[in-house]
Amino acid sequence: MVEIALTRLDTELPLPTYAHPGDAGADLHASTSATLAPGERALVPTGIAIALPAGYAAFVHPRSGLALRHGISVVNTPGTIDAGYRGEIKVLLVNHDLHDSFAVERGDR
């Protein structure tokens, strides 16, 4: 397993976690709240930064439940975090729902 250095930029948020043993991806948490109107995008910070080894990348995928129930997705799916990037991981969300706004609350996965 590759070790990844992680910096907590917001110590009040939980670290990324795996929902189930054997999961390939860990859940990130929103460090701010935002409301997305239908068709709107929002850049949501996660309160963490990582340092990947050279030659590696991390990917941000949308949560299937948010897509199914609310029409929420990641704009540039998958979002790519290259090995050289050391800033805060932020997720660019979009609300594809035609009628309803969606609220992201601090701490949401």
PDB file of N, CA and C in Angstrom:
ATOM      1  N   MET A   1       0.844  -1.177   0.000  1.00  0.00           N
ATOM      2  CA  MET A   1       0.000   0.000   0.000  1.00  0.00           C
ATOM      3  C   MET A   1       0.892   1.243   0.000  1.00  0.00           C
ATOM      4  N   VAL A   2       0.511   2.235  -0.771  1.00  0.00           N
ATOM      5  CA  VAL A   2       1.253   3.487  -0.858  1.00  0.00           C
ATOM      6  C   VAL A   2       0.865   4.387   0.306  1.00  0.00           C
ATOM      7  N   GLU A   3       1.864   4.947   0.969  1.00  0.00           N
ATOM      8  CA  GLU A   3       1.582   5.891   2.048  1.00  0.00           C
ATOM      9  C   GLU A   3       1.361   7.276   1.462  1.00  0.00           C
ATOM     10  N   ILE A   4       0.346   7.953   1.973  1.00  0.00           N
ATOM     11  CA  ILE A   4       0.007   9.294   1.505  1.00  0.00           C
ATOM     12  C   ILE A   4       0.051  10.238   2.695  1.00  0.00           C
ATOM     13  N   ALA A   5       0.889  11.263   2.582  1.00  0.00           N
ATOM     14  CA  ALA A   5       0.946  12.271   3.640  1.00  0.00           C
ATOM     15  C   ALA A   5      -0.308  13.131   3.557  1.00  0.00           C
ATOM     16  N   LEU A   6      -0.953  13.349   4.696  1.00  0.00           N
ATOM     17  CA  LEU A   6      -2.189  14.125   4.748  1.00  0.00           C
ATOM     18  C   LEU A   6      -2.027  15.247   5.763  1.00  0.00           C
ATOM     19  N   THR A   7      -2.448  16.451   5.375  1.00  0.00           N
ATOM     20  CA  THR A   7      -2.428  17.601   6.273  1.00  0.00           C
ATOM     21  C   THR A   7      -3.859  18.017   6.555  1.00  0.00           C
ATOM     22  N   ARG A   8      -4.199  18.088   7.837  1.00  0.00           N
ATOM     23  CA  ARG A   8      -5.538  18.554   8.235  1.00  0.00           C
ATOM     24  C   ARG A   8      -5.514  20.078   8.286  1.00  0.00           C
ATOM     25  N   LEU A   9      -6.261  20.701   7.408  1.00  0.00           N
ATOM     26  CA  LEU A   9      -6.377  22.156   7.391  1.00  0.00           C
ATOM     27  C   LEU A   9      -7.522  22.618   8.275  1.00  0.00           C
ATOM     28  N   ASP A  10      -8.418  21.719   8.596  1.00  0.00           N
ATOM     29  CA  ASP A  10      -9.559  21.980   9.474  1.00  0.00           C
ATOM     30  C   ASP A  10      -9.637  20.818  10.459  1.00  0.00           C
ATOM     31  N   THR A  11      -9.127  21.030  11.652  1.00  0.00           N
ATOM     32  CA  THR A  11      -9.012  19.940  12.626  1.00  0.00           C
ATOM     33  C   THR A  11     -10.344  19.529  13.244  1.00  0.00           C
ATOM     34  N   GLU A  12     -11.406  20.289  12.988  1.00  0.00           N
ATOM     35  CA  GLU A  12     -12.718  19.931  13.531  1.00  0.00           C
ATOM     36  C   GLU A  12     -13.454  18.916  12.661  1.00  0.00           C
ATOM     37  N   LEU A  13     -12.985  18.717  11.450  1.00  0.00           N
ATOM     38  CA  LEU A  13     -13.618  17.746  10.548  1.00  0.00           C
ATOM     39  C   LEU A  13     -12.987  16.373  10.723  1.00  0.00           C
ATOM     40  N   PRO A  14     -13.769  15.311  10.492  1.00  0.00           N
ATOM     41  CA  PRO A  14     -13.170  13.971  10.535  1.00  0.00           C
ATOM     42  C   PRO A  14     -12.210  13.770   9.368  1.00  0.00           C
ATOM     43  N   LEU A  15     -11.261  12.894   9.564  1.00  0.00           N
ATOM     44  CA  LEU A  15     -10.376  12.512   8.465  1.00  0.00           C
ATOM     45  C   LEU A  15     -11.183  11.750   7.416  1.00  0.00           C
ATOM     46  N   PRO A  16     -10.695  11.700   6.165  1.00  0.00           N
ATOM     47  CA  PRO A  16     -11.372  10.868   5.165  1.00  0.00           C
ATOM     48  C   PRO A  16     -11.477   9.435   5.684  1.00  0.00           C
ATOM     49  N   THR A  17     -12.624   8.821   5.464  1.00  0.00           N
ATOM     50  CA  THR A  17     -12.865   7.482   5.994  1.00  0.00           C
ATOM     51  C   THR A  17     -13.430   6.566   4.916  1.00  0.00           C
ATOM     52  N   TYR A  18     -13.161   5.290   5.086  1.00  0.00           N
ATOM     53  CA  TYR A  18     -13.738   4.264   4.223  1.00  0.00           C
ATOM     54  C   TYR A  18     -15.032   3.794   4.871  1.00  0.00           C
ATOM     55  N   ALA A  19     -16.118   3.789   4.121  1.00  0.00           N
ATOM     56  CA  ALA A  19     -17.417   3.397   4.671  1.00  0.00           C
ATOM     57  C   ALA A  19     -17.465   1.911   5.012  1.00  0.00           C
ATOM     58  N   HIS A  20     -16.772   1.095   4.225  1.00  0.00           N
ATOM     59  CA  HIS A  20     -16.812  -0.356   4.414  1.00  0.00           C
ATOM     60  C   HIS A  20     -15.423  -0.941   4.186  1.00  0.00           C
ATOM     61  N   PRO A  21     -15.087  -2.015   4.874  1.00  0.00           N
ATOM     62  CA  PRO A  21     -13.803  -2.678   4.627  1.00  0.00           C
ATOM     63  C   PRO A  21     -13.687  -3.066   3.151  1.00  0.00           C
ATOM     64  N   GLY A  22     -12.537  -2.824   2.580  1.00  0.00           N
ATOM     65  CA  GLY A  22     -12.317  -3.180   1.184  1.00  0.00           C
ATOM     66  C   GLY A  22     -12.731  -2.118   0.189  1.00  0.00           C
ATOM     67  N   ASP A  23     -13.349  -1.017   0.644  1.00  0.00           N
ATOM     68  CA  ASP A  23     -13.721   0.061  -0.278  1.00  0.00           C
ATOM     69  C   ASP A  23     -12.474   0.642  -0.941  1.00  0.00           C
ATOM     70  N   ALA A  24     -12.604   1.024  -2.195  1.00  0.00           N
ATOM     71  CA  ALA A  24     -11.493   1.625  -2.928  1.00  0.00           C
ATOM     72  C   ALA A  24     -11.359   3.109  -2.627  1.00  0.00           C
ATOM     73  N   GLY A  25     -12.452   3.766  -2.283  1.00  0.00           N
ATOM     74  CA  GLY A  25     -12.430   5.206  -2.069  1.00  0.00           C
ATOM     75  C   GLY A  25     -12.845   5.588  -0.668  1.00  0.00           C
ATOM     76  N   ALA A  26     -12.277   6.682  -0.199  1.00  0.00           N
ATOM     77  CA  ALA A  26     -12.609   7.219   1.122  1.00  0.00           C
ATOM     78  C   ALA A  26     -13.523   8.428   0.959  1.00  0.00           C
ATOM     79  N   ASP A  27     -14.382   8.650   1.926  1.00  0.00           N
ATOM     80  CA  ASP A  27     -15.304   9.783   1.887  1.00  0.00           C
ATOM     81  C   ASP A  27     -14.621  11.049   2.386  1.00  0.00           C
ATOM     82  N   LEU A  28     -14.777  12.125   1.613  1.00  0.00           N
ATOM     83  CA  LEU A  28     -14.309  13.451   2.010  1.00  0.00           C
ATOM     84  C   LEU A  28     -15.460  14.182   2.682  1.00  0.00           C
ATOM     85  N   HIS A  29     -15.146  15.227   3.446  1.00  0.00           N
ATOM     86  CA  HIS A  29     -16.168  15.998   4.149  1.00  0.00           C
ATOM     87  C   HIS A  29     -16.074  17.470   3.752  1.00  0.00           C
ATOM     88  N   ALA A  30     -17.224  18.107   3.593  1.00  0.00           N
ATOM     89  CA  ALA A  30     -17.272  19.531   3.255  1.00  0.00           C
ATOM     90  C   ALA A  30     -16.852  20.360   4.462  1.00  0.00           C
ATOM     91  N   SER A  31     -15.972  21.343   4.237  1.00  0.00           N
ATOM     92  CA  SER A  31     -15.560  22.200   5.356  1.00  0.00           C
ATOM     93  C   SER A  31     -16.377  23.483   5.429  1.00  0.00           C
ATOM     94  N   THR A  32     -17.194  23.740   4.414  1.00  0.00           N
ATOM     95  CA  THR A  32     -18.094  24.896   4.436  1.00  0.00           C
ATOM     96  C   THR A  32     -19.472  24.461   3.948  1.00  0.00           C
ATOM     97  N   SER A  33     -20.449  25.281   4.201  1.00  0.00           N
ATOM     98  CA  SER A  33     -21.804  25.039   3.703  1.00  0.00           C
ATOM     99  C   SER A  33     -22.014  25.820   2.413  1.00  0.00           C
ATOM    100  N   ALA A  34     -22.857  25.308   1.550  1.00  0.00           N
ATOM    101  CA  ALA A  34     -23.193  25.987   0.296  1.00  0.00           C
ATOM    102  C   ALA A  34     -24.559  25.497  -0.158  1.00  0.00           C
ATOM    103  N   THR A  35     -25.293  26.370  -0.834  1.00  0.00           N
ATOM    104  CA  THR A  35     -26.562  25.977  -1.436  1.00  0.00           C
ATOM    105  C   THR A  35     -26.440  26.128  -2.940  1.00  0.00           C
ATOM    106  N   LEU A  36     -26.745  25.057  -3.649  1.00  0.00           N
ATOM    107  CA  LEU A  36     -26.675  25.050  -5.104  1.00  0.00           C
ATOM    108  C   LEU A  36     -28.088  25.107  -5.665  1.00  0.00           C
ATOM    109  N   ALA A  37     -28.404  26.184  -6.355  1.00  0.00           N
ATOM    110  CA  ALA A  37     -29.680  26.295  -7.058  1.00  0.00           C
ATOM    111  C   ALA A  37     -29.640  25.350  -8.261  1.00  0.00           C
ATOM    112  N   PRO A  38     -30.786  25.045  -8.857  1.00  0.00           N
ATOM    113  CA  PRO A  38     -30.788  24.191 -10.043  1.00  0.00           C
ATOM    114  C   PRO A  38     -29.820  24.722 -11.106  1.00  0.00           C
ATOM    115  N   GLY A  39     -28.948  23.847 -11.599  1.00  0.00           N
ATOM    116  CA  GLY A  39     -27.977  24.216 -12.618  1.00  0.00           C
ATOM    117  C   GLY A  39     -26.729  24.910 -12.099  1.00  0.00           C
ATOM    118  N   GLU A  40     -26.674  25.221 -10.830  1.00  0.00           N
ATOM    119  CA  GLU A  40     -25.553  25.973 -10.262  1.00  0.00           C
ATOM    120  C   GLU A  40     -24.395  25.060  -9.871  1.00  0.00           C
ATOM    121  N   ARG A  41     -23.186  25.644  -9.888  1.00  0.00           N
ATOM    122  CA  ARG A  41     -21.975  24.960  -9.453  1.00  0.00           C
ATOM    123  C   ARG A  41     -21.460  25.618  -8.184  1.00  0.00           C
ATOM    124  N   ALA A  42     -20.709  24.847  -7.386  1.00  0.00           N
ATOM    125  CA  ALA A  42     -20.069  25.385  -6.187  1.00  0.00           C
ATOM    126  C   ALA A  42     -18.775  24.628  -5.936  1.00  0.00           C
ATOM    127  N   LEU A  43     -17.729  25.373  -5.580  1.00  0.00           N
ATOM    128  CA  LEU A  43     -16.447  24.780  -5.228  1.00  0.00           C
ATOM    129  C   LEU A  43     -16.430  24.591  -3.717  1.00  0.00           C
ATOM    130  N   VAL A  44     -16.416  23.337  -3.276  1.00  0.00           N
ATOM    131  CA  VAL A  44     -16.549  23.009  -1.857  1.00  0.00           C
ATOM    132  C   VAL A  44     -15.209  22.511  -1.314  1.00  0.00           C
ATOM    133  N   PRO A  45     -14.604  23.242  -0.370  1.00  0.00           N
ATOM    134  CA  PRO A  45     -13.344  22.797   0.225  1.00  0.00           C
ATOM    135  C   PRO A  45     -13.567  21.624   1.174  1.00  0.00           C
ATOM    136  N   THR A  46     -12.509  20.828   1.374  1.00  0.00           N
ATOM    137  CA  THR A  46     -12.615  19.629   2.210  1.00  0.00           C
ATOM    138  C   THR A  46     -11.811  19.708   3.503  1.00  0.00           C
ATOM    139  N   GLY A  47     -10.989  20.729   3.655  1.00  0.00           N
ATOM    140  CA  GLY A  47     -10.212  20.854   4.886  1.00  0.00           C
ATOM    141  C   GLY A  47      -9.009  19.943   4.969  1.00  0.00           C
ATOM    142  N   ILE A  48      -8.617  19.337   3.845  1.00  0.00           N
ATOM    143  CA  ILE A  48      -7.415  18.501   3.838  1.00  0.00           C
ATOM    144  C   ILE A  48      -6.563  18.788   2.607  1.00  0.00           C
ATOM    145  N   ALA A  49      -5.288  18.496   2.735  1.00  0.00           N
ATOM    146  CA  ALA A  49      -4.343  18.515   1.618  1.00  0.00           C
ATOM    147  C   ALA A  49      -3.558  17.213   1.698  1.00  0.00           C
ATOM    148  N   ILE A  50      -3.152  16.703   0.545  1.00  0.00           N
ATOM    149  CA  ILE A  50      -2.378  15.461   0.526  1.00  0.00           C
ATOM    150  C   ILE A  50      -1.106  15.660  -0.286  1.00  0.00           C
ATOM    151  N   ALA A  51      -0.144  14.783  -0.054  1.00  0.00           N
ATOM    152  CA  ALA A  51       1.102  14.768  -0.817  1.00  0.00           C
ATOM    153  C   ALA A  51       1.274  13.361  -1.378  1.00  0.00           C
ATOM    154  N   LEU A  52       0.980  13.228  -2.650  1.00  0.00           N
ATOM    155  CA  LEU A  52       1.104  11.930  -3.315  1.00  0.00           C
ATOM    156  C   LEU A  52       2.529  11.724  -3.812  1.00  0.00           C
ATOM    157  N   PRO A  53       3.000  10.484  -3.853  1.00  0.00           N
ATOM    158  CA  PRO A  53       4.311  10.218  -4.433  1.00  0.00           C
ATOM    159  C   PRO A  53       4.291  10.498  -5.938  1.00  0.00           C
ATOM    160  N   ALA A  54       5.456  10.793  -6.499  1.00  0.00           N
ATOM    161  CA  ALA A  54       5.577  11.032  -7.937  1.00  0.00           C
ATOM    162  C   ALA A  54       5.023   9.834  -8.701  1.00  0.00           C
ATOM    163  N   GLY A  55       4.304  10.128  -9.772  1.00  0.00           N
ATOM    164  CA  GLY A  55       3.747   9.074 -10.604  1.00  0.00           C
ATOM    165  C   GLY A  55       2.371   8.588 -10.181  1.00  0.00           C
ATOM    166  N   TYR A  56       1.842   9.144  -9.091  1.00  0.00           N
ATOM    167  CA  TYR A  56       0.526   8.748  -8.596  1.00  0.00           C
ATOM    168  C   TYR A  56      -0.465   9.894  -8.761  1.00  0.00           C
ATOM    169  N   ALA A  57      -1.739   9.549  -8.758  1.00  0.00           N
ATOM    170  CA  ALA A  57      -2.814  10.538  -8.780  1.00  0.00           C
ATOM    171  C   ALA A  57      -3.940  10.021  -7.895  1.00  0.00           C
ATOM    172  N   ALA A  58      -4.744  10.941  -7.394  1.00  0.00           N
ATOM    173  CA  ALA A  58      -5.957  10.593  -6.647  1.00  0.00           C
ATOM    174  C   ALA A  58      -7.137  11.121  -7.452  1.00  0.00           C
ATOM    175  N   PHE A  59      -8.300  10.516  -7.255  1.00  0.00           N
ATOM    176  CA  PHE A  59      -9.467  10.890  -8.042  1.00  0.00           C
ATOM    177  C   PHE A  59     -10.669  11.124  -7.141  1.00  0.00           C
ATOM    178  N   VAL A  60     -11.407  12.181  -7.453  1.00  0.00           N
ATOM    179  CA  VAL A  60     -12.635  12.502  -6.724  1.00  0.00           C
ATOM    180  C   VAL A  60     -13.810  12.096  -7.606  1.00  0.00           C
ATOM    181  N   HIS A  61     -14.587  11.151  -7.110  1.00  0.00           N
ATOM    182  CA  HIS A  61     -15.765  10.663  -7.832  1.00  0.00           C
ATOM    183  C   HIS A  61     -17.022  11.134  -7.106  1.00  0.00           C
ATOM    184  N   PRO A  62     -18.118  11.317  -7.842  1.00  0.00           N
ATOM    185  CA  PRO A  62     -19.371  11.692  -7.176  1.00  0.00           C
ATOM    186  C   PRO A  62     -19.932  10.529  -6.365  1.00  0.00           C
ATOM    187  N   ARG A  63     -20.718  10.858  -5.372  1.00  0.00           N
ATOM    188  CA  ARG A  63     -21.414   9.839  -4.575  1.00  0.00           C
ATOM    189  C   ARG A  63     -22.686   9.444  -5.329  1.00  0.00           C
ATOM    190  N   SER A  64     -22.860   8.170  -5.572  1.00  0.00           N
ATOM    191  CA  SER A  64     -23.996   7.716  -6.380  1.00  0.00           C
ATOM    192  C   SER A  64     -25.333   8.053  -5.731  1.00  0.00           C
ATOM    193  N   GLY A  65     -25.418   8.020  -4.408  1.00  0.00           N
ATOM    194  CA  GLY A  65     -26.668   8.348  -3.726  1.00  0.00           C
ATOM    195  C   GLY A  65     -27.067   9.801  -3.915  1.00  0.00           C
ATOM    196  N   LEU A  66     -26.081  10.713  -3.905  1.00  0.00           N
ATOM    197  CA  LEU A  66     -26.396  12.129  -4.137  1.00  0.00           C
ATOM    198  C   LEU A  66     -26.867  12.345  -5.569  1.00  0.00           C
ATOM    199  N   ALA A  67     -26.272  11.633  -6.504  1.00  0.00           N
ATOM    200  CA  ALA A  67     -26.698  11.753  -7.897  1.00  0.00           C
ATOM    201  C   ALA A  67     -28.116  11.219  -8.075  1.00  0.00           C
ATOM    202  N   LEU A  68     -28.392  10.070  -7.491  1.00  0.00           N
ATOM    203  CA  LEU A  68     -29.711   9.446  -7.634  1.00  0.00           C
ATOM    204  C   LEU A  68     -30.815  10.271  -6.978  1.00  0.00           C
ATOM    205  N   ARG A  69     -30.587  10.687  -5.739  1.00  0.00           N
ATOM    206  CA  ARG A  69     -31.650  11.354  -4.973  1.00  0.00           C
ATOM    207  C   ARG A  69     -31.765  12.855  -5.228  1.00  0.00           C
ATOM    208  N   HIS A  70     -30.638  13.503  -5.597  1.00  0.00           N
ATOM    209  CA  HIS A  70     -30.659  14.968  -5.669  1.00  0.00           C
ATOM    210  C   HIS A  70     -30.091  15.547  -6.964  1.00  0.00           C
ATOM    211  N   GLY A  71     -29.543  14.727  -7.841  1.00  0.00           N
ATOM    212  CA  GLY A  71     -28.963  15.240  -9.080  1.00  0.00           C
ATOM    213  C   GLY A  71     -27.628  15.931  -8.885  1.00  0.00           C
ATOM    214  N   ILE A  72     -26.930  15.638  -7.784  1.00  0.00           N
ATOM    215  CA  ILE A  72     -25.655  16.284  -7.485  1.00  0.00           C
ATOM    216  C   ILE A  72     -24.519  15.437  -8.034  1.00  0.00           C
ATOM    217  N   SER A  73     -23.583  16.088  -8.738  1.00  0.00           N
ATOM    218  CA  SER A  73     -22.438  15.380  -9.297  1.00  0.00           C
ATOM    219  C   SER A  73     -21.197  16.261  -9.200  1.00  0.00           C
ATOM    220  N   VAL A  74     -20.065  15.689  -9.560  1.00  0.00           N
ATOM    221  CA  VAL A  74     -18.808  16.425  -9.653  1.00  0.00           C
ATOM    222  C   VAL A  74     -18.681  16.881 -11.097  1.00  0.00           C
ATOM    223  N   VAL A  75     -18.405  18.176 -11.307  1.00  0.00           N
ATOM    224  CA  VAL A  75     -18.394  18.737 -12.658  1.00  0.00           C
ATOM    225  C   VAL A  75     -17.389  18.021 -13.551  1.00  0.00           C
ATOM    226  N   ASN A  76     -16.165  17.913 -13.117  1.00  0.00           N
ATOM    227  CA  ASN A  76     -15.104  17.336 -13.943  1.00  0.00           C
ATOM    228  C   ASN A  76     -14.817  15.897 -13.517  1.00  0.00           C
ATOM    229  N   THR A  77     -15.838  15.073 -13.541  1.00  0.00           N
ATOM    230  CA  THR A  77     -15.725  13.699 -13.050  1.00  0.00           C
ATOM    231  C   THR A  77     -14.806  12.863 -13.924  1.00  0.00           C
ATOM    232  N   PRO A  78     -13.832  12.145 -13.371  1.00  0.00           N
ATOM    233  CA  PRO A  78     -13.419  12.318 -11.982  1.00  0.00           C
ATOM    234  C   PRO A  78     -12.504  13.524 -11.852  1.00  0.00           C
ATOM    235  N   GLY A  79     -12.560  14.166 -10.706  1.00  0.00           N
ATOM    236  CA  GLY A  79     -11.617  15.245 -10.418  1.00  0.00           C
ATOM    237  C   GLY A  79     -10.258  14.621 -10.150  1.00  0.00           C
ATOM    238  N   THR A  80      -9.228  15.119 -10.803  1.00  0.00           N
ATOM    239  CA  THR A  80      -7.894  14.537 -10.680  1.00  0.00           C
ATOM    240  C   THR A  80      -7.018  15.383  -9.772  1.00  0.00           C
ATOM    241  N   ILE A  81      -6.363  14.722  -8.814  1.00  0.00           N
ATOM    242  CA  ILE A  81      -5.393  15.372  -7.940  1.00  0.00           C
ATOM    243  C   ILE A  81      -4.036  14.793  -8.319  1.00  0.00           C
ATOM    244  N   ASP A  82      -3.215  15.598  -8.966  1.00  0.00           N
ATOM    245  CA  ASP A  82      -1.905  15.141  -9.410  1.00  0.00           C
ATOM    246  C   ASP A  82      -0.905  15.113  -8.264  1.00  0.00           C
ATOM    247  N   ALA A  83       0.173  14.351  -8.460  1.00  0.00           N
ATOM    248  CA  ALA A  83       1.187  14.179  -7.426  1.00  0.00           C
ATOM    249  C   ALA A  83       1.821  15.503  -7.006  1.00  0.00           C
ATOM    250  N   GLY A  84       1.930  16.455  -7.901  1.00  0.00           N
ATOM    251  CA  GLY A  84       2.581  17.723  -7.577  1.00  0.00           C
ATOM    252  C   GLY A  84       1.699  18.728  -6.864  1.00  0.00           C
ATOM    253  N   TYR A  85       0.399  18.477  -6.780  1.00  0.00           N
ATOM    254  CA  TYR A  85      -0.516  19.427  -6.143  1.00  0.00           C
ATOM    255  C   TYR A  85      -0.451  19.270  -4.632  1.00  0.00           C
ATOM    256  N   ARG A  86      -0.258  20.382  -3.928  1.00  0.00           N
ATOM    257  CA  ARG A  86      -0.147  20.347  -2.470  1.00  0.00           C
ATOM    258  C   ARG A  86      -1.186  21.226  -1.773  1.00  0.00           C
ATOM    259  N   GLY A  87      -2.089  21.826  -2.526  1.00  0.00           N
ATOM    260  CA  GLY A  87      -3.104  22.691  -1.934  1.00  0.00           C
ATOM    261  C   GLY A  87      -4.273  21.903  -1.369  1.00  0.00           C
ATOM    262  N   GLU A  88      -5.237  22.644  -0.836  1.00  0.00           N
ATOM    263  CA  GLU A  88      -6.439  22.017  -0.281  1.00  0.00           C
ATOM    264  C   GLU A  88      -7.228  21.320  -1.385  1.00  0.00           C
ATOM    265  N   ILE A  89      -7.722  20.144  -1.086  1.00  0.00           N
ATOM    266  CA  ILE A  89      -8.602  19.447  -2.024  1.00  0.00           C
ATOM    267  C   ILE A  89      -9.960  20.133  -1.975  1.00  0.00           C
ATOM    268  N   LYS A  90     -10.429  20.544  -3.145  1.00  0.00           N
ATOM    269  CA  LYS A  90     -11.746  21.166  -3.272  1.00  0.00           C
ATOM    270  C   LYS A  90     -12.524  20.390  -4.326  1.00  0.00           C
ATOM    271  N   VAL A  91     -13.818  20.277  -4.122  1.00  0.00           N
ATOM    272  CA  VAL A  91     -14.665  19.486  -5.012  1.00  0.00           C
ATOM    273  C   VAL A  91     -15.641  20.420  -5.718  1.00  0.00           C
ATOM    274  N   LEU A  92     -15.625  20.390  -7.049  1.00  0.00           N
ATOM    275  CA  LEU A  92     -16.505  21.235  -7.848  1.00  0.00           C
ATOM    276  C   LEU A  92     -17.802  20.473  -8.116  1.00  0.00           C
ATOM    277  N   LEU A  93     -18.842  20.839  -7.365  1.00  0.00           N
ATOM    278  CA  LEU A  93     -20.143  20.171  -7.466  1.00  0.00           C
ATOM    279  C   LEU A  93     -21.059  20.912  -8.425  1.00  0.00           C
ATOM    280  N   VAL A  94     -22.011  20.194  -9.008  1.00  0.00           N
ATOM    281  CA  VAL A  94     -23.039  20.790  -9.850  1.00  0.00           C
ATOM    282  C   VAL A  94     -24.379  20.166  -9.477  1.00  0.00           C
ATOM    283  N   ASN A  95     -25.417  20.997  -9.496  1.00  0.00           N
ATOM    284  CA  ASN A  95     -26.777  20.538  -9.228  1.00  0.00           C
ATOM    285  C   ASN A  95     -27.501  20.378 -10.561  1.00  0.00           C
ATOM    286  N   HIS A  96     -27.689  19.136 -10.979  1.00  0.00           N
ATOM    287  CA  HIS A  96     -28.377  18.852 -12.246  1.00  0.00           C
ATOM    288  C   HIS A  96     -29.896  18.822 -12.102  1.00  0.00           C
ATOM    289  N   ASP A  97     -30.406  18.927 -10.883  1.00  0.00           N
ATOM    290  CA  ASP A  97     -31.857  18.909 -10.690  1.00  0.00           C
ATOM    291  C   ASP A  97     -32.468  20.135 -11.371  1.00  0.00           C
ATOM    292  N   LEU A  98     -33.588  19.954 -12.020  1.00  0.00           N
ATOM    293  CA  LEU A  98     -34.226  21.048 -12.753  1.00  0.00           C
ATOM    294  C   LEU A  98     -35.082  21.949 -11.875  1.00  0.00           C
ATOM    295  N   HIS A  99     -35.429  21.495 -10.662  1.00  0.00           N
ATOM    296  CA  HIS A  99     -36.386  22.242  -9.852  1.00  0.00           C
ATOM    297  C   HIS A  99     -35.911  22.590  -8.448  1.00  0.00           C
ATOM    298  N   ASP A 100     -35.155  21.700  -7.819  1.00  0.00           N
ATOM    299  CA  ASP A 100     -34.840  21.870  -6.401  1.00  0.00           C
ATOM    300  C   ASP A 100     -33.404  22.299  -6.154  1.00  0.00           C
ATOM    301  N   SER A 101     -33.238  23.215  -5.202  1.00  0.00           N
ATOM    302  CA  SER A 101     -31.908  23.568  -4.713  1.00  0.00           C
ATOM    303  C   SER A 101     -31.407  22.445  -3.819  1.00  0.00           C
ATOM    304  N   PHE A 102     -30.095  22.420  -3.608  1.00  0.00           N
ATOM    305  CA  PHE A 102     -29.494  21.413  -2.734  1.00  0.00           C
ATOM    306  C   PHE A 102     -28.526  22.105  -1.790  1.00  0.00           C
ATOM    307  N   ALA A 103     -28.644  21.796  -0.509  1.00  0.00           N
ATOM    308  CA  ALA A 103     -27.767  22.393   0.498  1.00  0.00           C
ATOM    309  C   ALA A 103     -26.693  21.397   0.914  1.00  0.00           C
ATOM    310  N   VAL A 104     -25.452  21.836   0.817  1.00  0.00           N
ATOM    311  CA  VAL A 104     -24.317  21.087   1.356  1.00  0.00           C
ATOM    312  C   VAL A 104     -24.015  21.719   2.706  1.00  0.00           C
ATOM    313  N   GLU A 105     -23.996  20.912   3.742  1.00  0.00           N
ATOM    314  CA  GLU A 105     -23.717  21.419   5.087  1.00  0.00           C
ATOM    315  C   GLU A 105     -22.299  21.032   5.494  1.00  0.00           C
ATOM    316  N   ARG A 106     -21.698  21.876   6.309  1.00  0.00           N
ATOM    317  CA  ARG A 106     -20.368  21.582   6.828  1.00  0.00           C
ATOM    318  C   ARG A 106     -20.380  20.177   7.452  1.00  0.00           C
ATOM    319  N   GLY A 107     -19.405  19.373   7.099  1.00  0.00           N
ATOM    320  CA  GLY A 107     -19.304  18.013   7.618  1.00  0.00           C
ATOM    321  C   GLY A 107     -19.941  16.956   6.741  1.00  0.00           C
ATOM    322  N   ASP A 108     -20.782  17.371   5.771  1.00  0.00           N
ATOM    323  CA  ASP A 108     -21.401  16.394   4.866  1.00  0.00           C
ATOM    324  C   ASP A 108     -20.337  15.653   4.065  1.00  0.00           C
ATOM    325  N   ARG A 109     -20.650  14.387   3.734  1.00  0.00           N
ATOM    326  CA  ARG A 109     -19.762  13.606   2.872  1.00  0.00           C
ATOM    327  C   ARG A 109     -20.126  13.877   1.422  1.00  0.00           C
TER     328      ARG A 109
END
